[in-house]
Amino acid sequence: MRFGVFIFTVFVFSILLFGCSNKSEYERKVQEGLNSEKEVNEIFLGYEFGMSREEFLESSWEMNQQQIISGGVNIVYLLEDLKSTVSLEFYPQFQNGVISKMPVSASYISWSPWNEQYNADELLKDLKVYYEEFYSTTFSQVDVPGIETTPWISIEGNREIRMYKKSVNTVQIDFIDISKAYRN
C-alpha cells in the first residue's frame, strides 16, 4: 500500500514538475510555429522573406514605375481596402543579405484629433479583420516581451504578423521570419 502511495506521489510530482512550462504563451506559439516546419514567406505586394536586397530593390523600382508604391528610404503604399485610405510606410530589415523582417507603420490618412473613427484603436480593429481575411488566419492578443501594449499576433509556420498601437494615430505592423529571429 505504501509503495502504491509513493508511486502515485512521484507520478503527480513528475507531472507538476515537467508538465508545467516556464515558457510564456508567446514563446509557446513561436515554438509551435517553428516546430510545424511550415514555410510561409509571403509578406505583401510580392515581397517575401528570403528575398535578397537586390530583388527587393528591383521589385520596388518596378512597382514605383507603375505608381503602386512611392518613396525610397521609406516606401509608401496606400491601402484602399478599408473605410478610408491607409498609408503603409515600410522598409525591410535584412539578415545575411535577405529580408527577415518587414516593419510597417500604418495610419489612416483621414486621421485628425476630431476624427475618432480614424484613430489607431479603430485602425487596429480594421486591420485585424482585413488581415484575417487576406491571409486566411486568426489573430490573438498575447503579451510579447519588449512591447508595452498587448499586440495582436498570428503565427503560421515561420511567419509572424504582429500588430499593436504605436501612437494615437499609428499602428505598428511587423512581419517577422521567426526562423531567422529565434533560431539564430
Protein backbone atom coordinates (compact mmCIF):
# COMPACT_ATOMS: atom_id res chain seq x y z
CA MET A 1 0.00 0.00 0.00
CA ARG A 2 2.74 2.45 0.94
CA PHE A 3 4.62 1.67 -2.24
CA GLY A 4 1.47 2.49 -4.26
CA VAL A 5 1.08 5.85 -2.48
CA PHE A 6 4.78 6.56 -3.07
CA ILE A 7 4.48 5.79 -6.81
CA PHE A 8 1.35 7.92 -7.06
CA THR A 9 3.09 10.82 -5.27
CA VAL A 10 6.14 10.57 -7.55
CA PHE A 11 3.82 10.44 -10.59
CA VAL A 12 1.88 13.56 -9.53
CA PHE A 13 5.09 15.42 -8.65
CA SER A 14 6.61 14.49 -12.04
CA ILE A 15 3.56 15.81 -13.88
CA LEU A 16 3.68 19.06 -11.94
CA LEU A 17 7.44 19.45 -12.39
CA PHE A 18 7.74 18.52 -16.05
CA GLY A 19 4.23 19.27 -17.28
CA CYS A 20 4.34 22.92 -16.29
CA SER A 21 6.47 25.06 -18.51
CA ASN A 22 8.03 28.38 -17.70
CA LYS A 23 7.55 29.49 -21.30
CA SER A 24 5.17 32.35 -21.93
CA GLU A 25 2.17 31.96 -24.20
CA TYR A 26 4.05 33.91 -26.87
CA GLU A 27 7.12 31.65 -26.62
CA ARG A 28 4.87 28.58 -26.89
CA LYS A 29 3.22 30.00 -30.04
CA VAL A 30 6.62 30.76 -31.58
CA GLN A 31 7.82 27.24 -30.77
CA GLU A 32 4.65 25.72 -32.28
CA GLY A 33 5.21 27.73 -35.46
CA LEU A 34 8.84 26.65 -35.71
CA ASN A 35 8.00 23.02 -34.92
CA SER A 36 5.38 22.92 -37.68
CA GLU A 37 8.19 23.23 -40.25
CA LYS A 38 5.64 25.04 -42.44
CA GLU A 39 7.29 27.71 -44.59
CA VAL A 40 5.23 30.87 -45.17
CA ASN A 41 7.31 33.52 -46.89
CA GLU A 42 4.59 35.84 -48.25
CA ILE A 43 4.63 39.33 -46.76
CA PHE A 44 2.66 41.62 -49.12
CA LEU A 45 2.89 43.21 -52.59
CA GLY A 46 5.01 40.29 -53.76
CA TYR A 47 7.66 40.87 -51.11
CA GLU A 48 8.80 37.68 -49.40
CA PHE A 49 11.08 36.52 -46.63
CA GLY A 50 14.33 35.34 -48.16
CA MET A 51 14.27 37.99 -50.90
CA SER A 52 17.72 39.46 -51.49
CA ARG A 53 18.33 43.18 -51.21
CA GLU A 54 18.78 43.34 -54.99
CA GLU A 55 15.48 41.53 -55.62
CA PHE A 56 13.73 43.83 -53.17
CA LEU A 57 15.14 46.96 -54.82
CA GLU A 58 14.29 45.71 -58.32
CA SER A 59 10.73 44.81 -57.31
CA SER A 60 10.30 48.16 -55.56
CA TRP A 61 11.65 50.05 -58.57
CA GLU A 62 9.17 48.26 -60.87
CA MET A 63 6.22 48.99 -58.54
CA ASN A 64 7.37 52.60 -58.21
CA GLN A 65 7.37 52.92 -62.02
CA GLN A 66 3.81 51.54 -62.06
CA GLN A 67 2.87 54.03 -59.29
CA ILE A 68 1.82 51.22 -56.93
CA ILE A 69 4.28 52.46 -54.29
CA SER A 70 6.33 55.62 -53.81
CA GLY A 71 9.40 56.63 -51.89
CA GLY A 72 12.87 55.27 -51.47
CA VAL A 73 14.29 55.15 -47.95
CA ASN A 74 10.76 54.76 -46.60
CA ILE A 75 8.42 53.17 -49.09
CA VAL A 76 4.77 54.21 -49.02
CA TYR A 77 1.86 52.07 -50.16
CA LEU A 78 -1.71 53.36 -49.99
CA LEU A 79 -4.08 50.59 -48.92
CA GLU A 80 -7.55 51.48 -50.13
CA ASP A 81 -9.45 48.40 -48.94
CA LEU A 82 -10.64 49.80 -45.59
CA LYS A 83 -13.16 52.52 -44.65
CA SER A 84 -10.57 55.17 -45.58
CA THR A 85 -7.16 55.05 -47.25
CA VAL A 86 -4.36 53.76 -45.04
CA SER A 87 -0.77 54.86 -45.55
CA LEU A 88 1.65 51.97 -45.03
CA GLU A 89 5.27 53.09 -44.66
CA PHE A 90 7.89 50.36 -44.66
CA TYR A 91 11.41 49.26 -45.41
CA PRO A 92 12.67 45.76 -44.66
CA GLN A 93 15.38 44.60 -42.33
CA PHE A 94 17.89 42.20 -43.85
CA GLN A 95 19.75 39.38 -42.19
CA ASN A 96 22.53 37.65 -44.11
CA GLY A 97 21.52 39.60 -47.21
CA VAL A 98 17.83 38.57 -47.25
CA ILE A 99 14.60 40.00 -45.86
CA SER A 100 13.98 38.73 -42.33
CA LYS A 101 11.59 41.40 -41.03
CA MET A 102 9.27 43.98 -42.55
CA PRO A 103 8.33 46.72 -40.06
CA VAL A 104 5.32 48.73 -41.26
CA SER A 105 3.90 51.95 -39.84
CA ALA A 106 0.19 52.33 -40.67
CA SER A 107 -2.18 55.25 -40.28
CA TYR A 108 -5.42 56.44 -41.80
CA ILE A 109 -4.67 59.47 -43.97
CA SER A 110 -8.03 60.92 -42.81
CA TRP A 111 -6.91 60.95 -39.17
CA SER A 112 -7.18 64.13 -37.15
CA PRO A 113 -7.80 64.60 -33.42
CA TRP A 114 -11.52 65.23 -34.06
CA ASN A 115 -11.94 62.20 -36.39
CA GLU A 116 -12.18 59.45 -33.76
CA GLN A 117 -13.19 56.81 -36.32
CA TYR A 118 -9.71 57.11 -37.85
CA ASN A 119 -7.58 56.80 -34.71
CA ALA A 120 -5.14 53.95 -34.05
CA ASP A 121 -7.59 51.92 -31.95
CA GLU A 122 -10.08 51.85 -34.83
CA LEU A 123 -7.36 51.19 -37.39
CA LEU A 124 -6.05 48.26 -35.35
CA LYS A 125 -9.54 46.69 -35.30
CA ASP A 126 -9.95 47.28 -39.04
CA LEU A 127 -6.50 45.89 -39.90
CA LYS A 128 -7.08 42.80 -37.78
CA VAL A 129 -10.27 41.98 -39.69
CA TYR A 130 -8.64 42.81 -43.03
CA TYR A 131 -5.53 40.69 -42.44
CA GLU A 132 -7.52 37.76 -41.05
CA GLU A 133 -9.41 37.65 -44.33
CA PHE A 134 -6.44 38.49 -46.58
CA TYR A 135 -4.11 35.87 -45.06
CA SER A 136 -6.83 33.36 -44.02
CA THR A 137 -5.53 33.43 -40.46
CA THR A 138 -6.64 34.36 -36.97
CA PHE A 139 -5.04 36.79 -34.55
CA SER A 140 -4.92 36.53 -30.78
CA GLN A 141 -3.80 39.01 -28.16
CA VAL A 142 -0.65 37.76 -26.48
CA ASP A 143 1.87 39.55 -24.29
CA VAL A 144 5.18 39.91 -26.12
CA PRO A 145 8.40 40.83 -24.31
CA GLY A 146 9.53 44.37 -25.10
CA ILE A 147 6.12 45.69 -26.14
CA GLU A 148 4.18 47.73 -23.58
CA THR A 149 0.73 47.11 -25.07
CA THR A 150 -0.60 43.64 -25.79
CA PRO A 151 -0.29 43.09 -29.55
CA TRP A 152 -2.42 41.01 -31.87
CA ILE A 153 -0.32 38.20 -33.33
CA SER A 154 -0.70 35.49 -35.91
CA ILE A 155 1.95 32.83 -36.31
CA GLU A 156 1.82 30.48 -39.26
CA GLY A 157 4.92 28.37 -39.68
CA ASN A 158 7.85 30.76 -39.82
CA ARG A 159 5.79 33.92 -40.40
CA GLU A 160 4.64 36.06 -37.51
CA ILE A 161 2.40 39.06 -38.09
CA ARG A 162 2.33 41.34 -35.07
CA MET A 163 0.12 44.45 -34.76
CA TYR A 164 -0.17 46.97 -31.95
CA LYS A 165 -0.98 50.61 -31.29
CA LYS A 166 2.14 52.73 -31.57
CA SER A 167 0.62 56.19 -31.05
CA VAL A 168 -2.76 57.95 -31.13
CA ASN A 169 -2.89 57.63 -34.93
CA THR A 170 -0.36 54.92 -35.80
CA VAL A 171 -0.38 51.13 -35.75
CA GLN A 172 2.87 49.18 -35.92
CA ILE A 173 2.74 46.01 -38.02
CA ASP A 174 5.73 43.69 -38.02
CA PHE A 175 6.10 40.77 -40.41
CA ILE A 176 8.81 38.60 -38.86
CA ASP A 177 10.53 35.46 -40.13
CA ILE A 178 10.73 33.72 -36.75
CA SER A 179 13.03 31.05 -38.19
CA LYS A 180 15.65 33.80 -38.52
CA ALA A 181 14.72 35.75 -35.38
CA TYR A 182 14.60 32.84 -32.92
CA ARG A 183 16.84 30.13 -34.32
CA ASN A 184 19.99 32.20 -34.77
